[in-house]
Structures are given as C-alpha cells and as structure tokens.
Amino acid sequence: MLPIGAQAQTKPLTATLRSYEAGKGVIVIRQSSDIEDCVNNVAPANVNHTQPKAAKDNNPATPNNNNTPKNTAERNTHIDKTTHRWGARTRHKAKGYRICIFTGGNSRADKAKAQQMGEKCRKLFSELATYTTFIAPRWVTHVGDFKTKEDAAKYATRIRRAGFTYEARIIATEVNLPDE
C-alpha cells in the first residue's frame, strides 16, 4: 500500500476523498462533472459538436486520461496590477472611497439598468470592481476600492471622459483593500 502522500499525487482529490478505508468515515460528493474537473485541476475535454458525445463513465471519481492540467492562463483569475502575478488577492475591509456611476429607482428595470452600467464600466475599466446593490429605496452601482480620495478623483475623471455615464460621484464608504 502506498503512503497517503504518494496516493494523493496519483489520484484526483475527489477520488481520494471518496475512497473507503475500514474504520473511517465515508464522504459522499455530489457535483457536476464541470465542478469535478475544476476541483481536480483537470482541463475539460475537447468537445466535437459535430459528433454525438460518448457515454461518460458512471464513476465520476475516475480521471479522464485525455485531460491535461489547466495552466494558469486558462483559470478564471486576474493579474494583480501591483505584483503582476496571477491569482486571487487577499483583502481586508477599511474606510475608503468608491465612485457612484448609477443611481436609479426601485423597479426591476432600474435594477437591470444598474447591472448594465456595471457591465459597461467593467468593459472599459476591467481593473475596477463593480458593486450593484439595493440601498433603500433605489438601485445603485459603485465601482472601485480606493484608499484615498485623490485616487478616486483620478478615476472619476477618467470615467467622466469615457462618456458612458452622466453620473460619477465619489462616495466615502467601507471598501475592500488588498493586504500589503
């Protein structure tokens, strides 16, 4: 029998979790094959849409040998602008500033407009986080997490020049700042 460390290297994580050992508990995992591939760090198989799909193996814990590990460029992550590294940044809450780019009413149409405004801003300024929330009695869209009012003012000027919104005001609020 292989030691646990060697076994974890050869078997996918979910297969290791599902394995049965006498005297130990049983873990039941129910999830889609897409999530299974993501957890096991396996790239999805190339699908040919012109031919019918082959029947899948009934045991989701067995790896598909045709899959290759995902490389970091394929993952849904972003590049940290200060370190130029891939991955998620850890953040902490602090007092800071955001830019309000939309203020609407309380209808579903206003909610859709607020979300659309967030999407427009995300396309033009992908480095800014967007926050569409309901602050009674209206839907608002805020962007960015700025430590100082001066940094927020620089982006507010850029947003106004882009011309996709008539409203770009600086709001003092609690923001998510990256850990340093």
N, C-alpha and C. Protein backbone atom coordinates (compact mmCIF):
# COMPACT_ATOMS: atom_id res chain seq x y z
N MET A 1 0.84 -1.18 0.00
CA MET A 1 0.00 0.00 0.00
C MET A 1 0.88 1.24 0.00
N LEU A 2 0.50 2.25 -0.76
CA LEU A 2 1.25 3.48 -0.86
C LEU A 2 0.99 4.37 0.34
N PRO A 3 1.97 5.16 0.75
CA PRO A 3 1.69 6.15 1.79
C PRO A 3 0.69 7.18 1.30
N ILE A 4 0.04 7.86 2.21
CA ILE A 4 -1.04 8.79 1.85
C ILE A 4 -0.53 9.88 0.93
N GLY A 5 0.64 10.44 1.15
CA GLY A 5 1.19 11.49 0.30
C GLY A 5 1.37 11.04 -1.13
N ALA A 6 1.88 9.81 -1.33
CA ALA A 6 2.08 9.29 -2.69
C ALA A 6 0.75 8.99 -3.34
N GLN A 7 -0.21 8.53 -2.55
CA GLN A 7 -1.52 8.21 -3.10
C GLN A 7 -2.23 9.47 -3.58
N ALA A 8 -2.08 10.58 -2.85
CA ALA A 8 -2.74 11.83 -3.23
C ALA A 8 -2.15 12.38 -4.52
N GLN A 9 -0.90 12.05 -4.82
CA GLN A 9 -0.30 12.56 -6.04
C GLN A 9 -0.79 11.80 -7.25
N THR A 10 -1.15 10.55 -7.10
CA THR A 10 -1.56 9.76 -8.26
C THR A 10 -3.07 9.78 -8.47
N LYS A 11 -3.85 10.01 -7.44
CA LYS A 11 -5.30 10.01 -7.56
C LYS A 11 -5.83 11.44 -7.48
N PRO A 12 -6.90 11.74 -8.20
CA PRO A 12 -7.52 13.06 -8.06
C PRO A 12 -8.03 13.26 -6.64
N LEU A 13 -8.18 14.51 -6.24
CA LEU A 13 -8.61 14.83 -4.89
C LEU A 13 -9.94 14.19 -4.54
N THR A 14 -10.93 14.30 -5.42
CA THR A 14 -12.24 13.76 -5.11
C THR A 14 -12.22 12.24 -5.04
N ALA A 15 -11.37 11.59 -5.82
CA ALA A 15 -11.26 10.13 -5.74
C ALA A 15 -10.65 9.73 -4.41
N THR A 16 -9.67 10.49 -3.95
CA THR A 16 -9.06 10.22 -2.65
C THR A 16 -10.09 10.38 -1.54
N LEU A 17 -10.91 11.43 -1.63
CA LEU A 17 -11.92 11.65 -0.61
C LEU A 17 -12.99 10.56 -0.61
N ARG A 18 -13.34 10.07 -1.79
CA ARG A 18 -14.39 9.05 -1.90
C ARG A 18 -13.91 7.65 -1.52
N SER A 19 -12.61 7.44 -1.45
CA SER A 19 -12.10 6.09 -1.19
C SER A 19 -12.54 5.62 0.20
N TYR A 20 -12.77 4.32 0.30
CA TYR A 20 -13.25 3.74 1.54
C TYR A 20 -12.08 3.08 2.27
N GLU A 21 -11.96 3.38 3.54
CA GLU A 21 -10.98 2.73 4.39
C GLU A 21 -11.71 2.23 5.63
N ALA A 22 -11.41 0.99 6.02
CA ALA A 22 -12.07 0.38 7.17
C ALA A 22 -11.82 1.22 8.42
N GLY A 23 -12.87 1.43 9.19
CA GLY A 23 -12.76 2.16 10.43
C GLY A 23 -12.79 3.67 10.29
N LYS A 24 -12.94 4.17 9.07
CA LYS A 24 -13.00 5.61 8.85
C LYS A 24 -14.35 5.99 8.25
N GLY A 25 -14.70 7.22 8.32
CA GLY A 25 -15.97 7.70 7.79
C GLY A 25 -16.01 7.67 6.27
N VAL A 26 -17.20 7.87 5.73
CA VAL A 26 -17.40 7.87 4.29
C VAL A 26 -17.81 9.28 3.86
N ILE A 27 -17.20 9.77 2.79
CA ILE A 27 -17.54 11.09 2.25
C ILE A 27 -18.30 10.88 0.95
N VAL A 28 -19.48 11.49 0.86
CA VAL A 28 -20.29 11.42 -0.35
C VAL A 28 -20.23 12.80 -1.01
N ILE A 29 -19.80 12.84 -2.27
CA ILE A 29 -19.69 14.10 -3.01
C ILE A 29 -20.60 14.01 -4.22
N ARG A 30 -21.53 14.96 -4.32
CA ARG A 30 -22.42 15.02 -5.47
C ARG A 30 -22.23 16.37 -6.12
N GLN A 31 -21.69 16.36 -7.35
CA GLN A 31 -21.45 17.60 -8.07
C GLN A 31 -21.37 17.31 -9.56
N SER A 32 -21.48 18.35 -10.36
CA SER A 32 -21.43 18.19 -11.81
C SER A 32 -20.00 17.86 -12.24
N SER A 33 -19.87 17.32 -13.45
CA SER A 33 -18.55 16.96 -13.95
C SER A 33 -17.67 18.20 -14.16
N ASP A 34 -18.28 19.36 -14.45
CA ASP A 34 -17.51 20.59 -14.60
C ASP A 34 -16.84 20.98 -13.29
N ILE A 35 -17.60 20.89 -12.19
CA ILE A 35 -17.03 21.21 -10.89
C ILE A 35 -16.00 20.15 -10.50
N GLU A 36 -16.27 18.91 -10.82
CA GLU A 36 -15.33 17.82 -10.55
C GLU A 36 -13.98 18.11 -11.23
N ASP A 37 -14.03 18.52 -12.49
CA ASP A 37 -12.79 18.83 -13.22
C ASP A 37 -12.07 20.02 -12.60
N CYS A 38 -12.83 21.02 -12.17
CA CYS A 38 -12.23 22.20 -11.57
C CYS A 38 -11.54 21.86 -10.25
N VAL A 39 -12.22 21.08 -9.41
CA VAL A 39 -11.65 20.69 -8.12
C VAL A 39 -10.40 19.84 -8.31
N ASN A 40 -10.42 18.96 -9.30
CA ASN A 40 -9.28 18.08 -9.55
C ASN A 40 -8.22 18.74 -10.43
N ASN A 41 -8.42 20.01 -10.80
CA ASN A 41 -7.48 20.77 -11.62
C ASN A 41 -7.24 20.08 -12.96
N VAL A 42 -8.33 19.68 -13.61
CA VAL A 42 -8.27 19.00 -14.89
C VAL A 42 -8.98 19.85 -15.93
N ALA A 43 -8.35 20.06 -17.07
CA ALA A 43 -8.97 20.84 -18.14
C ALA A 43 -10.11 20.04 -18.75
N PRO A 44 -11.20 20.71 -19.15
CA PRO A 44 -12.29 19.98 -19.79
C PRO A 44 -11.83 19.38 -21.11
N ALA A 45 -12.38 18.21 -21.42
CA ALA A 45 -12.01 17.53 -22.66
C ALA A 45 -12.49 18.34 -23.86
N ASN A 46 -11.76 18.29 -24.95
CA ASN A 46 -12.18 18.97 -26.18
C ASN A 46 -13.42 18.28 -26.70
N VAL A 47 -14.46 19.06 -26.90
CA VAL A 47 -15.74 18.51 -27.33
C VAL A 47 -15.92 18.79 -28.81
N ASN A 48 -16.22 17.75 -29.60
CA ASN A 48 -16.51 17.91 -31.01
C ASN A 48 -18.02 17.96 -31.15
N HIS A 49 -18.57 19.11 -31.50
CA HIS A 49 -20.02 19.28 -31.53
C HIS A 49 -20.66 18.64 -32.75
N THR A 50 -19.88 18.18 -33.72
CA THR A 50 -20.46 17.58 -34.90
C THR A 50 -20.77 16.10 -34.69
N GLN A 51 -20.12 15.47 -33.74
CA GLN A 51 -20.36 14.07 -33.47
C GLN A 51 -21.07 13.93 -32.15
N PRO A 52 -21.87 12.86 -31.97
CA PRO A 52 -22.55 12.68 -30.69
C PRO A 52 -21.52 12.42 -29.59
N LYS A 53 -21.87 12.87 -28.37
CA LYS A 53 -20.96 12.68 -27.25
C LYS A 53 -20.90 11.21 -26.86
N ALA A 54 -19.72 10.77 -26.45
CA ALA A 54 -19.55 9.40 -25.98
C ALA A 54 -20.15 9.30 -24.58
N ALA A 55 -20.59 8.12 -24.23
CA ALA A 55 -21.16 7.90 -22.91
C ALA A 55 -20.08 8.08 -21.86
N LYS A 56 -20.42 8.78 -20.79
CA LYS A 56 -19.46 9.03 -19.73
C LYS A 56 -19.39 7.84 -18.80
N ASP A 57 -18.26 7.73 -18.13
CA ASP A 57 -18.07 6.70 -17.13
C ASP A 57 -19.00 6.99 -15.96
N ASN A 58 -19.63 5.97 -15.39
CA ASN A 58 -20.56 6.17 -14.28
C ASN A 58 -19.85 6.55 -13.00
N ASN A 59 -18.55 6.30 -12.90
CA ASN A 59 -17.82 6.64 -11.70
C ASN A 59 -17.13 7.99 -11.90
N PRO A 60 -17.66 9.07 -11.33
CA PRO A 60 -17.07 10.38 -11.56
C PRO A 60 -15.71 10.55 -10.90
N ALA A 61 -15.32 9.62 -10.04
CA ALA A 61 -14.04 9.75 -9.35
C ALA A 61 -12.86 9.32 -10.22
N THR A 62 -13.12 8.60 -11.31
CA THR A 62 -12.01 8.16 -12.15
C THR A 62 -11.62 9.27 -13.09
N PRO A 63 -10.33 9.55 -13.21
CA PRO A 63 -9.90 10.64 -14.08
C PRO A 63 -9.97 10.26 -15.54
N ASN A 64 -10.17 11.27 -16.38
CA ASN A 64 -10.14 11.06 -17.81
C ASN A 64 -8.71 11.29 -18.27
N ASN A 65 -8.05 10.27 -18.79
CA ASN A 65 -6.64 10.35 -19.12
C ASN A 65 -6.36 11.29 -20.28
N ASN A 66 -7.38 11.68 -21.05
CA ASN A 66 -7.16 12.59 -22.16
C ASN A 66 -7.04 14.04 -21.70
N ASN A 67 -7.41 14.31 -20.45
CA ASN A 67 -7.38 15.68 -19.95
C ASN A 67 -5.98 16.05 -19.49
N THR A 68 -5.65 17.31 -19.64
CA THR A 68 -4.38 17.81 -19.16
C THR A 68 -4.65 18.84 -18.08
N PRO A 69 -3.71 19.03 -17.17
CA PRO A 69 -3.94 20.04 -16.13
C PRO A 69 -4.09 21.42 -16.75
N LYS A 70 -4.95 22.22 -16.14
CA LYS A 70 -5.14 23.59 -16.62
C LYS A 70 -3.88 24.39 -16.36
N ASN A 71 -3.54 25.24 -17.28
CA ASN A 71 -2.45 26.15 -16.96
C ASN A 71 -3.05 27.44 -16.42
N THR A 72 -2.25 28.24 -15.79
CA THR A 72 -2.79 29.39 -15.06
C THR A 72 -3.48 30.40 -15.96
N ALA A 73 -3.13 30.44 -17.24
CA ALA A 73 -3.77 31.40 -18.14
C ALA A 73 -5.22 31.04 -18.40
N GLU A 74 -5.59 29.76 -18.24
CA GLU A 74 -6.95 29.34 -18.51
C GLU A 74 -7.87 29.53 -17.31
N ARG A 75 -7.32 29.76 -16.13
CA ARG A 75 -8.13 29.89 -14.95
C ARG A 75 -8.84 31.23 -14.93
N ASN A 76 -9.96 31.26 -14.24
CA ASN A 76 -10.74 32.49 -14.16
C ASN A 76 -10.22 33.34 -13.00
N THR A 77 -9.00 33.85 -13.17
CA THR A 77 -8.40 34.71 -12.17
C THR A 77 -7.95 35.98 -12.85
N HIS A 78 -7.31 36.83 -12.12
CA HIS A 78 -6.87 38.09 -12.69
C HIS A 78 -5.42 38.34 -12.30
N ILE A 79 -4.82 39.33 -12.93
CA ILE A 79 -3.45 39.70 -12.62
C ILE A 79 -3.48 40.85 -11.62
N ASP A 80 -2.75 40.70 -10.53
CA ASP A 80 -2.62 41.77 -9.57
C ASP A 80 -1.79 42.87 -10.22
N LYS A 81 -2.33 44.08 -10.30
CA LYS A 81 -1.67 45.18 -11.02
C LYS A 81 -0.36 45.61 -10.36
N THR A 82 -0.23 45.38 -9.05
CA THR A 82 1.00 45.82 -8.39
C THR A 82 2.10 44.77 -8.46
N THR A 83 1.74 43.48 -8.35
CA THR A 83 2.76 42.43 -8.37
C THR A 83 2.87 41.73 -9.71
N HIS A 84 1.90 41.94 -10.59
CA HIS A 84 1.85 41.30 -11.91
C HIS A 84 1.87 39.77 -11.79
N ARG A 85 1.17 39.24 -10.81
CA ARG A 85 1.08 37.80 -10.61
C ARG A 85 -0.36 37.35 -10.75
N TRP A 86 -0.54 36.10 -11.22
CA TRP A 86 -1.87 35.53 -11.34
C TRP A 86 -2.34 35.10 -9.96
N GLY A 87 -3.64 35.14 -9.74
CA GLY A 87 -4.20 34.60 -8.52
C GLY A 87 -5.12 35.57 -7.82
N ALA A 88 -5.80 35.05 -6.82
CA ALA A 88 -6.71 35.86 -6.04
C ALA A 88 -5.92 36.65 -5.00
N ARG A 89 -6.34 37.86 -4.78
CA ARG A 89 -5.68 38.70 -3.78
C ARG A 89 -6.48 38.63 -2.48
N THR A 90 -5.78 38.54 -1.37
CA THR A 90 -6.48 38.61 -0.10
C THR A 90 -6.73 40.08 0.21
N ARG A 91 -7.87 40.36 0.81
CA ARG A 91 -8.28 41.74 1.04
C ARG A 91 -8.79 41.89 2.46
N HIS A 92 -8.82 43.12 2.91
CA HIS A 92 -9.40 43.45 4.20
C HIS A 92 -10.30 44.68 4.04
N LYS A 93 -11.27 44.80 4.93
CA LYS A 93 -12.19 45.93 4.86
C LYS A 93 -11.58 47.12 5.60
N ALA A 94 -11.76 48.29 5.01
CA ALA A 94 -11.24 49.52 5.60
C ALA A 94 -12.07 50.69 5.10
N LYS A 95 -11.90 51.84 5.73
CA LYS A 95 -12.58 53.05 5.26
C LYS A 95 -11.87 53.52 4.00
N GLY A 96 -12.68 53.88 3.00
CA GLY A 96 -12.11 54.32 1.75
C GLY A 96 -13.16 54.99 0.89
N TYR A 97 -12.97 54.91 -0.44
CA TYR A 97 -13.84 55.62 -1.36
C TYR A 97 -14.20 54.74 -2.56
N ARG A 98 -15.40 54.93 -3.06
CA ARG A 98 -15.87 54.32 -4.30
C ARG A 98 -16.48 55.41 -5.15
N ILE A 99 -16.69 55.09 -6.44
CA ILE A 99 -17.30 56.04 -7.36
C ILE A 99 -18.69 55.55 -7.70
N CYS A 100 -19.69 56.38 -7.48
CA CYS A 100 -21.07 56.04 -7.82
C CYS A 100 -21.29 56.42 -9.29
N ILE A 101 -21.61 55.40 -10.13
CA ILE A 101 -21.82 55.69 -11.55
C ILE A 101 -23.27 55.57 -11.97
N PHE A 102 -24.15 55.10 -11.06
CA PHE A 102 -25.57 55.00 -11.41
C PHE A 102 -26.40 55.05 -10.14
N THR A 103 -27.49 55.83 -10.18
CA THR A 103 -28.49 55.85 -9.13
C THR A 103 -29.84 55.78 -9.82
N GLY A 104 -30.63 54.77 -9.49
CA GLY A 104 -31.93 54.59 -10.15
C GLY A 104 -33.05 54.54 -9.14
N GLY A 105 -34.15 53.96 -9.56
CA GLY A 105 -35.30 53.78 -8.69
C GLY A 105 -35.31 52.40 -8.07
N ASN A 106 -36.52 51.92 -7.71
CA ASN A 106 -36.61 50.62 -7.07
C ASN A 106 -37.32 49.58 -7.93
N SER A 107 -37.38 49.79 -9.23
CA SER A 107 -38.07 48.84 -10.11
C SER A 107 -37.09 47.81 -10.68
N ARG A 108 -37.64 46.77 -11.29
CA ARG A 108 -36.80 45.77 -11.95
C ARG A 108 -36.03 46.37 -13.11
N ALA A 109 -36.66 47.30 -13.81
CA ALA A 109 -35.99 47.97 -14.93
C ALA A 109 -34.78 48.74 -14.43
N ASP A 110 -34.91 49.38 -13.27
CA ASP A 110 -33.77 50.12 -12.71
C ASP A 110 -32.67 49.16 -12.26
N LYS A 111 -33.04 48.01 -11.77
CA LYS A 111 -32.04 47.00 -11.39
C LYS A 111 -31.27 46.57 -12.64
N ALA A 112 -31.98 46.33 -13.74
CA ALA A 112 -31.32 45.93 -14.99
C ALA A 112 -30.40 47.04 -15.50
N LYS A 113 -30.85 48.30 -15.40
CA LYS A 113 -30.01 49.42 -15.83
C LYS A 113 -28.75 49.52 -14.97
N ALA A 114 -28.90 49.30 -13.67
CA ALA A 114 -27.75 49.36 -12.76
C ALA A 114 -26.74 48.27 -13.12
N GLN A 115 -27.23 47.06 -13.42
CA GLN A 115 -26.34 45.96 -13.80
C GLN A 115 -25.67 46.24 -15.15
N GLN A 116 -26.42 46.81 -16.10
CA GLN A 116 -25.85 47.16 -17.40
C GLN A 116 -24.76 48.22 -17.26
N MET A 117 -24.98 49.18 -16.39
CA MET A 117 -23.98 50.23 -16.17
C MET A 117 -22.71 49.61 -15.58
N GLY A 118 -22.87 48.66 -14.68
CA GLY A 118 -21.71 47.96 -14.12
C GLY A 118 -20.95 47.20 -15.19
N GLU A 119 -21.68 46.56 -16.12
CA GLU A 119 -21.04 45.83 -17.22
C GLU A 119 -20.28 46.78 -18.15
N LYS A 120 -20.88 47.93 -18.46
CA LYS A 120 -20.20 48.92 -19.32
C LYS A 120 -18.90 49.37 -18.68
N CYS A 121 -18.95 49.64 -17.39
CA CYS A 121 -17.75 50.09 -16.69
C CYS A 121 -16.71 48.97 -16.64
N ARG A 122 -17.14 47.75 -16.43
CA ARG A 122 -16.22 46.61 -16.38
C ARG A 122 -15.51 46.40 -17.71
N LYS A 123 -16.22 46.67 -18.82
CA LYS A 123 -15.60 46.52 -20.14
C LYS A 123 -14.53 47.59 -20.38
N LEU A 124 -14.81 48.82 -19.94
CA LEU A 124 -13.86 49.92 -20.16
C LEU A 124 -12.74 49.96 -19.11
N PHE A 125 -13.07 49.61 -17.88
CA PHE A 125 -12.10 49.66 -16.78
C PHE A 125 -12.13 48.31 -16.06
N SER A 126 -11.52 47.31 -16.66
CA SER A 126 -11.58 45.95 -16.12
C SER A 126 -10.89 45.82 -14.77
N GLU A 127 -10.01 46.75 -14.43
CA GLU A 127 -9.29 46.67 -13.16
C GLU A 127 -10.14 47.11 -11.97
N LEU A 128 -11.31 47.74 -12.22
CA LEU A 128 -12.17 48.21 -11.15
C LEU A 128 -13.23 47.17 -10.80
N ALA A 129 -13.43 46.96 -9.52
CA ALA A 129 -14.51 46.09 -9.06
C ALA A 129 -15.82 46.87 -9.15
N THR A 130 -16.91 46.18 -9.51
CA THR A 130 -18.22 46.84 -9.59
C THR A 130 -19.13 46.26 -8.52
N TYR A 131 -19.95 47.11 -7.94
CA TYR A 131 -20.87 46.71 -6.88
C TYR A 131 -22.25 47.27 -7.20
N THR A 132 -23.18 46.40 -7.60
CA THR A 132 -24.56 46.80 -7.84
C THR A 132 -25.37 46.34 -6.64
N THR A 133 -25.94 47.28 -5.90
CA THR A 133 -26.67 46.95 -4.68
C THR A 133 -27.95 47.75 -4.59
N PHE A 134 -28.85 47.25 -3.75
CA PHE A 134 -30.09 47.97 -3.46
C PHE A 134 -29.91 48.67 -2.13
N ILE A 135 -29.82 49.98 -2.17
CA ILE A 135 -29.77 50.79 -0.96
C ILE A 135 -31.09 51.54 -0.92
N ALA A 136 -31.95 51.12 -0.01
CA ALA A 136 -33.34 51.57 0.00
C ALA A 136 -33.42 53.08 -0.12
N PRO A 137 -34.22 53.61 -0.99
CA PRO A 137 -35.21 52.96 -1.86
C PRO A 137 -34.77 52.85 -3.32
N ARG A 138 -33.47 52.68 -3.60
CA ARG A 138 -33.03 52.70 -5.00
C ARG A 138 -31.88 51.73 -5.26
N TRP A 139 -31.71 51.41 -6.56
CA TRP A 139 -30.57 50.61 -7.03
C TRP A 139 -29.42 51.54 -7.36
N VAL A 140 -28.21 51.17 -6.91
CA VAL A 140 -27.03 51.97 -7.19
C VAL A 140 -25.91 51.06 -7.68
N THR A 141 -25.01 51.63 -8.47
CA THR A 141 -23.81 50.94 -8.91
C THR A 141 -22.61 51.77 -8.52
N HIS A 142 -21.75 51.16 -7.71
CA HIS A 142 -20.50 51.79 -7.29
C HIS A 142 -19.35 51.00 -7.91
N VAL A 143 -18.26 51.66 -8.19
CA VAL A 143 -17.08 50.99 -8.74
C VAL A 143 -15.84 51.39 -7.96
N GLY A 144 -14.88 50.47 -7.93
CA GLY A 144 -13.57 50.74 -7.36
C GLY A 144 -13.50 50.54 -5.87
N ASP A 145 -12.28 50.39 -5.39
CA ASP A 145 -11.94 50.32 -3.98
C ASP A 145 -10.70 51.20 -3.81
N PHE A 146 -10.90 52.44 -3.40
CA PHE A 146 -9.80 53.40 -3.33
C PHE A 146 -9.50 53.75 -1.88
N LYS A 147 -8.21 53.81 -1.57
CA LYS A 147 -7.78 54.15 -0.22
C LYS A 147 -7.89 55.65 0.03
N THR A 148 -7.56 56.45 -0.99
CA THR A 148 -7.59 57.90 -0.82
C THR A 148 -8.60 58.54 -1.78
N LYS A 149 -9.05 59.71 -1.41
CA LYS A 149 -10.00 60.44 -2.24
C LYS A 149 -9.34 60.90 -3.53
N GLU A 150 -8.04 61.16 -3.50
CA GLU A 150 -7.32 61.59 -4.70
C GLU A 150 -7.29 60.50 -5.76
N ASP A 151 -7.06 59.25 -5.34
CA ASP A 151 -7.07 58.13 -6.29
C ASP A 151 -8.46 57.98 -6.92
N ALA A 152 -9.50 58.11 -6.10
CA ALA A 152 -10.87 58.02 -6.61
C ALA A 152 -11.15 59.16 -7.58
N ALA A 153 -10.65 60.34 -7.29
CA ALA A 153 -10.90 61.51 -8.15
C ALA A 153 -10.25 61.31 -9.53
N LYS A 154 -9.07 60.70 -9.57
CA LYS A 154 -8.41 60.43 -10.86
C LYS A 154 -9.27 59.51 -11.72
N TYR A 155 -9.79 58.43 -11.11
CA TYR A 155 -10.64 57.51 -11.87
C TYR A 155 -11.98 58.14 -12.22
N ALA A 156 -12.52 58.97 -11.34
CA ALA A 156 -13.79 59.64 -11.64
C ALA A 156 -13.63 60.51 -12.88
N THR A 157 -12.49 61.18 -13.01
CA THR A 157 -12.23 61.99 -14.20
C THR A 157 -12.16 61.11 -15.44
N ARG A 158 -11.48 59.98 -15.35
CA ARG A 158 -11.40 59.05 -16.49
C ARG A 158 -12.77 58.51 -16.88
N ILE A 159 -13.61 58.22 -15.87
CA ILE A 159 -14.95 57.70 -16.14
C ILE A 159 -15.80 58.77 -16.82
N ARG A 160 -15.71 60.00 -16.35
CA ARG A 160 -16.46 61.09 -16.99
C ARG A 160 -16.03 61.29 -18.44
N ARG A 161 -14.73 61.22 -18.69
CA ARG A 161 -14.21 61.37 -20.06
C ARG A 161 -14.66 60.24 -20.97
N ALA A 162 -14.84 59.03 -20.42
CA ALA A 162 -15.29 57.90 -21.23
C ALA A 162 -16.71 58.12 -21.74
N GLY A 163 -17.51 58.90 -21.02
CA GLY A 163 -18.82 59.32 -21.51
C GLY A 163 -19.92 58.27 -21.47
N PHE A 164 -19.76 57.19 -20.73
CA PHE A 164 -20.82 56.18 -20.70
C PHE A 164 -21.82 56.44 -19.58
N THR A 165 -21.52 57.38 -18.71
CA THR A 165 -22.45 57.73 -17.63
C THR A 165 -22.41 59.24 -17.40
N TYR A 166 -23.52 59.80 -17.01
CA TYR A 166 -23.58 61.22 -16.70
C TYR A 166 -23.24 61.46 -15.23
N GLU A 167 -23.17 60.39 -14.47
CA GLU A 167 -23.01 60.48 -13.03
C GLU A 167 -21.71 59.80 -12.62
N ALA A 168 -20.83 60.49 -11.96
CA ALA A 168 -19.60 59.92 -11.42
C ALA A 168 -19.23 60.70 -10.17
N ARG A 169 -19.78 60.26 -9.03
CA ARG A 169 -19.53 60.96 -7.77
C ARG A 169 -18.71 60.08 -6.84
N ILE A 170 -17.92 60.69 -6.02
CA ILE A 170 -17.09 59.96 -5.07
C ILE A 170 -17.88 59.79 -3.77
N ILE A 171 -17.89 58.54 -3.29
CA ILE A 171 -18.64 58.18 -2.09
C ILE A 171 -17.67 57.65 -1.04
N ALA A 172 -17.75 58.15 0.18
CA ALA A 172 -16.96 57.61 1.29
C ALA A 172 -17.72 56.41 1.85
N THR A 173 -17.06 55.25 1.88
CA THR A 173 -17.71 54.03 2.33
C THR A 173 -16.66 53.02 2.79
N GLU A 174 -17.11 51.86 3.23
CA GLU A 174 -16.19 50.78 3.57
C GLU A 174 -15.82 50.05 2.29
N VAL A 175 -14.53 49.83 2.07
CA VAL A 175 -14.04 49.23 0.82
C VAL A 175 -13.21 47.99 1.14
N ASN A 176 -12.90 47.22 0.10
CA ASN A 176 -12.06 46.03 0.20
C ASN A 176 -10.68 46.37 -0.35
N LEU A 177 -9.72 46.56 0.53
CA LEU A 177 -8.37 46.92 0.12
C LEU A 177 -7.46 45.69 0.16
N PRO A 178 -6.53 45.58 -0.79
CA PRO A 178 -5.62 44.43 -0.79
C PRO A 178 -4.69 44.45 0.42
N ASP A 179 -4.38 43.26 0.95
CA ASP A 179 -3.43 43.16 2.05
C ASP A 179 -2.05 43.50 1.54
N GLU A 180 -1.29 44.15 2.35
CA GLU A 180 0.06 44.56 1.94
C GLU A 180 1.11 43.86 2.74
